[in-house]
Amino acid sequence: MKDARAGKGRRRAIPRFRTVEEESAFWDTQSPLDVGDWMAVPYEQVCEDLGARQGAKRAVTLRMERELLDRLKRAARHHGLRYQALAREILWQSLTRRAE
């Protein structure tokens, strides 16, 4: 399933960063929706596959716009999930589909 924004032209590629600070500064001013080649993942598929992976998890910090976080939390509540679990599954689905 392609993102509705895909028709507006190809998004810029994600640059390579020399340092964590350089990457952090980049993402402080950019939206992931405008950079990279991402695809939409249906919530139903996310929820169906959520329990399939039980490996150890690591804590990460991710900056995002308040509106995006609010939308993520609403979607998670709708599906009876924690928003962190939903975000993890959305990333997993998106990245594994790109690799196929």
PDB file of N, CA and C in Angstrom:
ATOM      1  N   MET A   1       0.851  -1.160   0.000  1.00  0.00           N
ATOM      2  CA  MET A   1       0.000   0.000   0.000  1.00  0.00           C
ATOM      3  C   MET A   1       0.899   1.227   0.000  1.00  0.00           C
ATOM      4  N   LYS A   2       0.731   2.105  -0.927  1.00  0.00           N
ATOM      5  CA  LYS A   2       1.551   3.308  -1.030  1.00  0.00           C
ATOM      6  C   LYS A   2       0.936   4.444  -0.231  1.00  0.00           C
ATOM      7  N   ASP A   3       1.768   5.296   0.258  1.00  0.00           N
ATOM      8  CA  ASP A   3       1.348   6.483   0.979  1.00  0.00           C
ATOM      9  C   ASP A   3       0.657   7.433   0.017  1.00  0.00           C
ATOM     10  N   ALA A   4      -0.397   8.094   0.477  1.00  0.00           N
ATOM     11  CA  ALA A   4      -1.140   9.020  -0.367  1.00  0.00           C
ATOM     12  C   ALA A   4      -0.263  10.170  -0.845  1.00  0.00           C
ATOM     13  N   ARG A   5       0.776  10.503  -0.103  1.00  0.00           N
ATOM     14  CA  ARG A   5       1.662  11.593  -0.467  1.00  0.00           C
ATOM     15  C   ARG A   5       2.626  11.204  -1.585  1.00  0.00           C
ATOM     16  N   ALA A   6       2.700   9.920  -1.931  1.00  0.00           N
ATOM     17  CA  ALA A   6       3.675   9.451  -2.915  1.00  0.00           C
ATOM     18  C   ALA A   6       3.461  10.102  -4.272  1.00  0.00           C
ATOM     19  N   GLY A   7       2.235  10.475  -4.606  1.00  0.00           N
ATOM     20  CA  GLY A   7       1.949  11.087  -5.888  1.00  0.00           C
ATOM     21  C   GLY A   7       2.532  12.479  -6.032  1.00  0.00           C
ATOM     22  N   LYS A   8       2.989  13.087  -4.962  1.00  0.00           N
ATOM     23  CA  LYS A   8       3.531  14.435  -4.997  1.00  0.00           C
ATOM     24  C   LYS A   8       5.003  14.453  -5.385  1.00  0.00           C
ATOM     25  N   GLY A   9       5.532  13.344  -5.821  1.00  0.00           N
ATOM     26  CA  GLY A   9       6.937  13.302  -6.201  1.00  0.00           C
ATOM     27  C   GLY A   9       7.756  12.515  -5.201  1.00  0.00           C
ATOM     28  N   ARG A  10       8.920  12.133  -5.623  1.00  0.00           N
ATOM     29  CA  ARG A  10       9.799  11.335  -4.775  1.00  0.00           C
ATOM     30  C   ARG A  10      10.339  12.169  -3.615  1.00  0.00           C
ATOM     31  N   ARG A  11      10.331  11.589  -2.447  1.00  0.00           N
ATOM     32  CA  ARG A  11      10.871  12.269  -1.274  1.00  0.00           C
ATOM     33  C   ARG A  11      12.390  12.217  -1.291  1.00  0.00           C
ATOM     34  N   ARG A  12      12.991  13.157  -0.568  1.00  0.00           N
ATOM     35  CA  ARG A  12      14.449  13.192  -0.487  1.00  0.00           C
ATOM     36  C   ARG A  12      14.975  11.966   0.240  1.00  0.00           C
ATOM     37  N   ALA A  13      16.156  11.524  -0.148  1.00  0.00           N
ATOM     38  CA  ALA A  13      16.791  10.391   0.522  1.00  0.00           C
ATOM     39  C   ALA A  13      17.284  10.821   1.903  1.00  0.00           C
ATOM     40  N   ILE A  14      17.338   9.887   2.816  1.00  0.00           N
ATOM     41  CA  ILE A  14      17.883  10.162   4.142  1.00  0.00           C
ATOM     42  C   ILE A  14      19.402  10.227   4.011  1.00  0.00           C
ATOM     43  N   PRO A  15      20.011  11.334   4.419  1.00  0.00           N
ATOM     44  CA  PRO A  15      21.468  11.452   4.267  1.00  0.00           C
ATOM     45  C   PRO A  15      22.217  10.549   5.228  1.00  0.00           C
ATOM     46  N   ARG A  16      23.488  10.342   4.953  1.00  0.00           N
ATOM     47  CA  ARG A  16      24.365   9.624   5.886  1.00  0.00           C
ATOM     48  C   ARG A  16      24.919  10.653   6.867  1.00  0.00           C
ATOM     49  N   PHE A  17      24.995  10.270   8.131  1.00  0.00           N
ATOM     50  CA  PHE A  17      25.436  11.190   9.167  1.00  0.00           C
ATOM     51  C   PHE A  17      26.785  10.735   9.713  1.00  0.00           C
ATOM     52  N   ARG A  18      27.637  11.707  10.036  1.00  0.00           N
ATOM     53  CA  ARG A  18      28.953  11.394  10.602  1.00  0.00           C
ATOM     54  C   ARG A  18      28.895  11.218  12.112  1.00  0.00           C
ATOM     55  N   THR A  19      27.937  11.894  12.767  1.00  0.00           N
ATOM     56  CA  THR A  19      27.840  11.814  14.225  1.00  0.00           C
ATOM     57  C   THR A  19      26.380  11.726  14.644  1.00  0.00           C
ATOM     58  N   VAL A  20      26.162  11.287  15.867  1.00  0.00           N
ATOM     59  CA  VAL A  20      24.814  11.249  16.434  1.00  0.00           C
ATOM     60  C   VAL A  20      24.265  12.671  16.547  1.00  0.00           C
ATOM     61  N   GLU A  21      25.119  13.617  16.898  1.00  0.00           N
ATOM     62  CA  GLU A  21      24.694  15.000  17.031  1.00  0.00           C
ATOM     63  C   GLU A  21      24.203  15.549  15.692  1.00  0.00           C
ATOM     64  N   GLU A  22      24.921  15.228  14.610  1.00  0.00           N
ATOM     65  CA  GLU A  22      24.530  15.674  13.275  1.00  0.00           C
ATOM     66  C   GLU A  22      23.162  15.084  12.893  1.00  0.00           C
ATOM     67  N   GLU A  23      22.978  13.814  13.193  1.00  0.00           N
ATOM     68  CA  GLU A  23      21.693  13.173  12.889  1.00  0.00           C
ATOM     69  C   GLU A  23      20.574  13.784  13.734  1.00  0.00           C
ATOM     70  N   SER A  24      20.838  14.007  15.000  1.00  0.00           N
ATOM     71  CA  SER A  24      19.836  14.596  15.884  1.00  0.00           C
ATOM     72  C   SER A  24      19.427  15.978  15.397  1.00  0.00           C
ATOM     73  N   ALA A  25      20.396  16.787  15.001  1.00  0.00           N
ATOM     74  CA  ALA A  25      20.098  18.129  14.497  1.00  0.00           C
ATOM     75  C   ALA A  25      19.253  18.058  13.224  1.00  0.00           C
ATOM     76  N   PHE A  26      19.540  17.104  12.361  1.00  0.00           N
ATOM     77  CA  PHE A  26      18.772  16.930  11.130  1.00  0.00           C
ATOM     78  C   PHE A  26      17.315  16.613  11.447  1.00  0.00           C
ATOM     79  N   TRP A  27      17.082  15.616  12.325  1.00  0.00           N
ATOM     80  CA  TRP A  27      15.710  15.190  12.610  1.00  0.00           C
ATOM     81  C   TRP A  27      14.945  16.208  13.448  1.00  0.00           C
ATOM     82  N   ASP A  28      15.648  17.101  14.132  1.00  0.00           N
ATOM     83  CA  ASP A  28      14.960  18.174  14.859  1.00  0.00           C
ATOM     84  C   ASP A  28      14.273  19.140  13.906  1.00  0.00           C
ATOM     85  N   THR A  29      14.705  19.168  12.650  1.00  0.00           N
ATOM     86  CA  THR A  29      14.142  20.126  11.686  1.00  0.00           C
ATOM     87  C   THR A  29      13.425  19.462  10.519  1.00  0.00           C
ATOM     88  N   GLN A  30      13.366  18.143  10.485  1.00  0.00           N
ATOM     89  CA  GLN A  30      12.767  17.433   9.354  1.00  0.00           C
ATOM     90  C   GLN A  30      11.637  16.526   9.817  1.00  0.00           C
ATOM     91  N   SER A  31      10.693  16.280   8.954  1.00  0.00           N
ATOM     92  CA  SER A  31       9.635  15.320   9.228  1.00  0.00           C
ATOM     93  C   SER A  31       9.957  14.017   8.502  1.00  0.00           C
ATOM     94  N   PRO A  32       9.798  12.881   9.169  1.00  0.00           N
ATOM     95  CA  PRO A  32      10.021  11.602   8.486  1.00  0.00           C
ATOM     96  C   PRO A  32       9.061  11.398   7.311  1.00  0.00           C
ATOM     97  N   LEU A  33       7.959  12.150   7.299  1.00  0.00           N
ATOM     98  CA  LEU A  33       7.004  12.037   6.198  1.00  0.00           C
ATOM     99  C   LEU A  33       7.521  12.680   4.925  1.00  0.00           C
ATOM    100  N   ASP A  34       8.521  13.574   5.046  1.00  0.00           N
ATOM    101  CA  ASP A  34       9.065  14.266   3.879  1.00  0.00           C
ATOM    102  C   ASP A  34      10.404  13.714   3.420  1.00  0.00           C
ATOM    103  N   VAL A  35      10.995  12.826   4.200  1.00  0.00           N
ATOM    104  CA  VAL A  35      12.329  12.302   3.909  1.00  0.00           C
ATOM    105  C   VAL A  35      12.258  10.786   3.932  1.00  0.00           C
ATOM    106  N   GLY A  36      12.872  10.138   2.974  1.00  0.00           N
ATOM    107  CA  GLY A  36      12.904   8.683   2.956  1.00  0.00           C
ATOM    108  C   GLY A  36      11.788   8.105   2.112  1.00  0.00           C
ATOM    109  N   ASP A  37      11.825   6.814   1.930  1.00  0.00           N
ATOM    110  CA  ASP A  37      10.868   6.104   1.081  1.00  0.00           C
ATOM    111  C   ASP A  37      10.045   5.169   1.959  1.00  0.00           C
ATOM    112  N   TRP A  38       9.080   5.709   2.699  1.00  0.00           N
ATOM    113  CA  TRP A  38       8.276   4.948   3.642  1.00  0.00           C
ATOM    114  C   TRP A  38       6.960   4.554   3.008  1.00  0.00           C
ATOM    115  N   MET A  39       6.338   3.553   3.560  1.00  0.00           N
ATOM    116  CA  MET A  39       5.028   3.127   3.071  1.00  0.00           C
ATOM    117  C   MET A  39       4.069   2.978   4.243  1.00  0.00           C
ATOM    118  N   ALA A  40       2.797   3.149   3.970  1.00  0.00           N
ATOM    119  CA  ALA A  40       1.776   2.995   5.004  1.00  0.00           C
ATOM    120  C   ALA A  40       1.601   1.517   5.336  1.00  0.00           C
ATOM    121  N   VAL A  41       1.357   1.221   6.610  1.00  0.00           N
ATOM    122  CA  VAL A  41       1.108  -0.145   7.065  1.00  0.00           C
ATOM    123  C   VAL A  41      -0.264  -0.150   7.737  1.00  0.00           C
ATOM    124  N   PRO A  42      -1.198  -0.987   7.266  1.00  0.00           N
ATOM    125  CA  PRO A  42      -2.549  -0.998   7.860  1.00  0.00           C
ATOM    126  C   PRO A  42      -2.532  -1.411   9.327  1.00  0.00           C
ATOM    127  N   TYR A  43      -3.293  -0.693  10.167  1.00  0.00           N
ATOM    128  CA  TYR A  43      -3.346  -0.993  11.594  1.00  0.00           C
ATOM    129  C   TYR A  43      -3.762  -2.436  11.856  1.00  0.00           C
ATOM    130  N   GLU A  44      -4.677  -2.953  11.057  1.00  0.00           N
ATOM    131  CA  GLU A  44      -5.150  -4.319  11.273  1.00  0.00           C
ATOM    132  C   GLU A  44      -3.999  -5.315  11.169  1.00  0.00           C
ATOM    133  N   GLN A  45      -3.132  -5.114  10.196  1.00  0.00           N
ATOM    134  CA  GLN A  45      -1.969  -5.989  10.029  1.00  0.00           C
ATOM    135  C   GLN A  45      -1.011  -5.827  11.198  1.00  0.00           C
ATOM    136  N   VAL A  46      -0.826  -4.593  11.637  1.00  0.00           N
ATOM    137  CA  VAL A  46       0.046  -4.322  12.777  1.00  0.00           C
ATOM    138  C   VAL A  46      -0.450  -5.074  14.000  1.00  0.00           C
ATOM    139  N   CYS A  47      -1.737  -4.958  14.280  1.00  0.00           N
ATOM    140  CA  CYS A  47      -2.302  -5.589  15.473  1.00  0.00           C
ATOM    141  C   CYS A  47      -2.243  -7.111  15.383  1.00  0.00           C
ATOM    142  N   GLU A  48      -2.432  -7.643  14.195  1.00  0.00           N
ATOM    143  CA  GLU A  48      -2.391  -9.096  14.008  1.00  0.00           C
ATOM    144  C   GLU A  48      -0.998  -9.655  14.271  1.00  0.00           C
ATOM    145  N   ASP A  49       0.030  -8.926  13.860  1.00  0.00           N
ATOM    146  CA  ASP A  49       1.404  -9.411  13.969  1.00  0.00           C
ATOM    147  C   ASP A  49       2.107  -8.992  15.258  1.00  0.00           C
ATOM    148  N   LEU A  50       1.445  -8.187  16.071  1.00  0.00           N
ATOM    149  CA  LEU A  50       2.090  -7.570  17.224  1.00  0.00           C
ATOM    150  C   LEU A  50       2.737  -8.569  18.178  1.00  0.00           C
ATOM    151  N   GLY A  51       2.077  -9.663  18.477  1.00  0.00           N
ATOM    152  CA  GLY A  51       2.605 -10.607  19.451  1.00  0.00           C
ATOM    153  C   GLY A  51       3.590 -11.617  18.904  1.00  0.00           C
ATOM    154  N   ALA A  52       3.916 -11.545  17.626  1.00  0.00           N
ATOM    155  CA  ALA A  52       4.752 -12.566  17.001  1.00  0.00           C
ATOM    156  C   ALA A  52       6.211 -12.523  17.464  1.00  0.00           C
ATOM    157  N   ARG A  53       6.725 -11.362  17.841  1.00  0.00           N
ATOM    158  CA  ARG A  53       8.124 -11.237  18.222  1.00  0.00           C
ATOM    159  C   ARG A  53       8.223 -10.954  19.714  1.00  0.00           C
ATOM    160  N   GLN A  54       8.911 -11.811  20.442  1.00  0.00           N
ATOM    161  CA  GLN A  54       9.022 -11.661  21.889  1.00  0.00           C
ATOM    162  C   GLN A  54      10.457 -11.424  22.352  1.00  0.00           C
ATOM    163  N   GLY A  55      11.344 -11.014  21.460  1.00  0.00           N
ATOM    164  CA  GLY A  55      12.744 -10.798  21.823  1.00  0.00           C
ATOM    165  C   GLY A  55      12.926  -9.664  22.814  1.00  0.00           C
ATOM    166  N   ALA A  56      14.125  -9.580  23.381  1.00  0.00           N
ATOM    167  CA  ALA A  56      14.443  -8.519  24.338  1.00  0.00           C
ATOM    168  C   ALA A  56      14.329  -7.160  23.653  1.00  0.00           C
ATOM    169  N   LYS A  57      13.872  -6.169  24.392  1.00  0.00           N
ATOM    170  CA  LYS A  57      13.678  -4.823  23.860  1.00  0.00           C
ATOM    171  C   LYS A  57      14.696  -3.881  24.498  1.00  0.00           C
ATOM    172  N   ARG A  58      15.062  -2.816  23.781  1.00  0.00           N
ATOM    173  CA  ARG A  58      15.954  -1.779  24.302  1.00  0.00           C
ATOM    174  C   ARG A  58      15.199  -0.457  24.287  1.00  0.00           C
ATOM    175  N   ALA A  59      15.404   0.347  25.293  1.00  0.00           N
ATOM    176  CA  ALA A  59      14.782   1.672  25.364  1.00  0.00           C
ATOM    177  C   ALA A  59      15.468   2.610  24.382  1.00  0.00           C
ATOM    178  N   VAL A  60      14.679   3.417  23.666  1.00  0.00           N
ATOM    179  CA  VAL A  60      15.201   4.429  22.753  1.00  0.00           C
ATOM    180  C   VAL A  60      14.431   5.725  22.979  1.00  0.00           C
ATOM    181  N   THR A  61      15.030   6.813  22.554  1.00  0.00           N
ATOM    182  CA  THR A  61      14.361   8.107  22.592  1.00  0.00           C
ATOM    183  C   THR A  61      14.078   8.524  21.165  1.00  0.00           C
ATOM    184  N   LEU A  62      12.858   8.931  20.904  1.00  0.00           N
ATOM    185  CA  LEU A  62      12.446   9.315  19.555  1.00  0.00           C
ATOM    186  C   LEU A  62      11.696  10.631  19.646  1.00  0.00           C
ATOM    187  N   ARG A  63      12.134  11.616  18.896  1.00  0.00           N
ATOM    188  CA  ARG A  63      11.444  12.910  18.883  1.00  0.00           C
ATOM    189  C   ARG A  63      10.419  12.898  17.757  1.00  0.00           C
ATOM    190  N   MET A  64       9.212  13.380  18.077  1.00  0.00           N
ATOM    191  CA  MET A  64       8.188  13.503  17.055  1.00  0.00           C
ATOM    192  C   MET A  64       7.270  14.662  17.393  1.00  0.00           C
ATOM    193  N   GLU A  65       6.578  15.127  16.392  1.00  0.00           N
ATOM    194  CA  GLU A  65       5.646  16.225  16.583  1.00  0.00           C
ATOM    195  C   GLU A  65       4.529  15.792  17.526  1.00  0.00           C
ATOM    196  N   ARG A  66       4.005  16.742  18.309  1.00  0.00           N
ATOM    197  CA  ARG A  66       2.928  16.448  19.263  1.00  0.00           C
ATOM    198  C   ARG A  66       1.716  15.856  18.540  1.00  0.00           C
ATOM    199  N   GLU A  67       1.379  16.401  17.374  1.00  0.00           N
ATOM    200  CA  GLU A  67       0.227  15.902  16.619  1.00  0.00           C
ATOM    201  C   GLU A  67       0.406  14.434  16.227  1.00  0.00           C
ATOM    202  N   LEU A  68       1.612  14.074  15.798  1.00  0.00           N
ATOM    203  CA  LEU A  68       1.882  12.688  15.419  1.00  0.00           C
ATOM    204  C   LEU A  68       1.778  11.767  16.634  1.00  0.00           C
ATOM    205  N   LEU A  69       2.321  12.194  17.769  1.00  0.00           N
ATOM    206  CA  LEU A  69       2.225  11.394  18.984  1.00  0.00           C
ATOM    207  C   LEU A  69       0.763  11.236  19.414  1.00  0.00           C
ATOM    208  N   ASP A  70      -0.013  12.310  19.340  1.00  0.00           N
ATOM    209  CA  ASP A  70      -1.433  12.221  19.696  1.00  0.00           C
ATOM    210  C   ASP A  70      -2.174  11.236  18.791  1.00  0.00           C
ATOM    211  N   ARG A  71      -1.870  11.269  17.494  1.00  0.00           N
ATOM    212  CA  ARG A  71      -2.507  10.332  16.555  1.00  0.00           C
ATOM    213  C   ARG A  71      -2.112   8.889  16.867  1.00  0.00           C
ATOM    214  N   LEU A  72      -0.845   8.684  17.197  1.00  0.00           N
ATOM    215  CA  LEU A  72      -0.364   7.350  17.546  1.00  0.00           C
ATOM    216  C   LEU A  72      -1.072   6.835  18.794  1.00  0.00           C
ATOM    217  N   LYS A  73      -1.196   7.683  19.804  1.00  0.00           N
ATOM    218  CA  LYS A  73      -1.857   7.278  21.042  1.00  0.00           C
ATOM    219  C   LYS A  73      -3.339   6.968  20.812  1.00  0.00           C
ATOM    220  N   ARG A  74      -4.016   7.778  19.990  1.00  0.00           N
ATOM    221  CA  ARG A  74      -5.431   7.497  19.680  1.00  0.00           C
ATOM    222  C   ARG A  74      -5.579   6.156  18.964  1.00  0.00           C
ATOM    223  N   ALA A  75      -4.709   5.905  17.997  1.00  0.00           N
ATOM    224  CA  ALA A  75      -4.774   4.641  17.260  1.00  0.00           C
ATOM    225  C   ALA A  75      -4.508   3.466  18.192  1.00  0.00           C
ATOM    226  N   ALA A  76      -3.544   3.616  19.076  1.00  0.00           N
ATOM    227  CA  ALA A  76      -3.229   2.536  20.022  1.00  0.00           C
ATOM    228  C   ALA A  76      -4.415   2.268  20.942  1.00  0.00           C
ATOM    229  N   ARG A  77      -5.032   3.323  21.468  1.00  0.00           N
ATOM    230  CA  ARG A  77      -6.214   3.139  22.330  1.00  0.00           C
ATOM    231  C   ARG A  77      -7.332   2.435  21.577  1.00  0.00           C
ATOM    232  N   HIS A  78      -7.542   2.830  20.327  1.00  0.00           N
ATOM    233  CA  HIS A  78      -8.585   2.220  19.497  1.00  0.00           C
ATOM    234  C   HIS A  78      -8.390   0.712  19.382  1.00  0.00           C
ATOM    235  N   HIS A  79      -7.138   0.286  19.327  1.00  0.00           N
ATOM    236  CA  HIS A  79      -6.820  -1.134  19.169  1.00  0.00           C
ATOM    237  C   HIS A  79      -6.482  -1.816  20.495  1.00  0.00           C
ATOM    238  N   GLY A  80      -6.593  -1.091  21.602  1.00  0.00           N
ATOM    239  CA  GLY A  80      -6.326  -1.682  22.909  1.00  0.00           C
ATOM    240  C   GLY A  80      -4.858  -1.998  23.143  1.00  0.00           C
ATOM    241  N   LEU A  81      -3.970  -1.155  22.599  1.00  0.00           N
ATOM    242  CA  LEU A  81      -2.525  -1.379  22.705  1.00  0.00           C
ATOM    243  C   LEU A  81      -1.851  -0.213  23.400  1.00  0.00           C
ATOM    244  N   ARG A  82      -0.641  -0.446  23.893  1.00  0.00           N
ATOM    245  CA  ARG A  82       0.206   0.644  24.344  1.00  0.00           C
ATOM    246  C   ARG A  82       0.774   1.338  23.102  1.00  0.00           C
ATOM    247  N   TYR A  83       0.911   2.648  23.164  1.00  0.00           N
ATOM    248  CA  TYR A  83       1.370   3.354  21.965  1.00  0.00           C
ATOM    249  C   TYR A  83       2.798   2.980  21.590  1.00  0.00           C
ATOM    250  N   GLN A  84       3.647   2.643  22.581  1.00  0.00           N
ATOM    251  CA  GLN A  84       5.022   2.239  22.268  1.00  0.00           C
ATOM    252  C   GLN A  84       5.023   0.932  21.474  1.00  0.00           C
ATOM    253  N   ALA A  85       4.153   0.004  21.849  1.00  0.00           N
ATOM    254  CA  ALA A  85       4.077  -1.278  21.137  1.00  0.00           C
ATOM    255  C   ALA A  85       3.572  -1.067  19.714  1.00  0.00           C
ATOM    256  N   LEU A  86       2.590  -0.191  19.557  1.00  0.00           N
ATOM    257  CA  LEU A  86       2.076   0.086  18.212  1.00  0.00           C
ATOM    258  C   LEU A  86       3.154   0.737  17.347  1.00  0.00           C
ATOM    259  N   ALA A  87       3.889   1.706  17.897  1.00  0.00           N
ATOM    260  CA  ALA A  87       4.965   2.360  17.144  1.00  0.00           C
ATOM    261  C   ALA A  87       6.030   1.350  16.733  1.00  0.00           C
ATOM    262  N   ARG A  88       6.415   0.464  17.649  1.00  0.00           N
ATOM    263  CA  ARG A  88       7.419  -0.559  17.348  1.00  0.00           C
ATOM    264  C   ARG A  88       6.941  -1.458  16.216  1.00  0.00           C
ATOM    265  N   GLU A  89       5.688  -1.850  16.262  1.00  0.00           N
ATOM    266  CA  GLU A  89       5.169  -2.745  15.226  1.00  0.00           C
ATOM    267  C   GLU A  89       5.054  -2.045  13.876  1.00  0.00           C
ATOM    268  N   ILE A  90       4.654  -0.785  13.881  1.00  0.00           N
ATOM    269  CA  ILE A  90       4.587  -0.026  12.625  1.00  0.00           C
ATOM    270  C   ILE A  90       5.976   0.048  11.996  1.00  0.00           C
ATOM    271  N   LEU A  91       6.986   0.348  12.800  1.00  0.00           N
ATOM    272  CA  LEU A  91       8.357   0.385  12.276  1.00  0.00           C
ATOM    273  C   LEU A  91       8.788  -0.980  11.755  1.00  0.00           C
ATOM    274  N   TRP A  92       8.518  -2.026  12.518  1.00  0.00           N
ATOM    275  CA  TRP A  92       8.893  -3.379  12.104  1.00  0.00           C
ATOM    276  C   TRP A  92       8.265  -3.726  10.752  1.00  0.00           C
ATOM    277  N   GLN A  93       6.966  -3.501  10.639  1.00  0.00           N
ATOM    278  CA  GLN A  93       6.261  -3.828   9.397  1.00  0.00           C
ATOM    279  C   GLN A  93       6.803  -3.025   8.217  1.00  0.00           C
ATOM    280  N   SER A  94       6.993  -1.743   8.421  1.00  0.00           N
ATOM    281  CA  SER A  94       7.469  -0.891   7.342  1.00  0.00           C
ATOM    282  C   SER A  94       8.862  -1.296   6.882  1.00  0.00           C
ATOM    283  N   LEU A  95       9.757  -1.537   7.816  1.00  0.00           N
ATOM    284  CA  LEU A  95      11.136  -1.859   7.456  1.00  0.00           C
ATOM    285  C   LEU A  95      11.284  -3.260   6.881  1.00  0.00           C
ATOM    286  N   THR A  96      10.523  -4.224   7.362  1.00  0.00           N
ATOM    287  CA  THR A  96      10.645  -5.582   6.818  1.00  0.00           C
ATOM    288  C   THR A  96      10.016  -5.678   5.447  1.00  0.00           C
ATOM    289  N   ARG A  97       8.986  -4.928   5.186  1.00  0.00           N
ATOM    290  CA  ARG A  97       8.371  -4.937   3.840  1.00  0.00           C
ATOM    291  C   ARG A  97       9.278  -4.277   2.828  1.00  0.00           C
ATOM    292  N   ARG A  98      10.015  -3.243   3.239  1.00  0.00           N
ATOM    293  CA  ARG A  98      10.948  -2.580   2.332  1.00  0.00           C
ATOM    294  C   ARG A  98      12.072  -3.513   1.943  1.00  0.00           C
ATOM    295  N   ALA A  99      12.475  -4.421   2.847  1.00  0.00           N
ATOM    296  CA  ALA A  99      13.598  -5.314   2.606  1.00  0.00           C
ATOM    297  C   ALA A  99      13.230  -6.476   1.685  1.00  0.00           C
ATOM    298  N   GLU A 100      11.950  -6.770   1.559  1.00  0.00           N
ATOM    299  CA  GLU A 100      11.520  -7.927   0.757  1.00  0.00           C
ATOM    300  C   GLU A 100      11.627  -7.688  -0.723  1.00  0.00           C
TER     301      GLU A 100
END
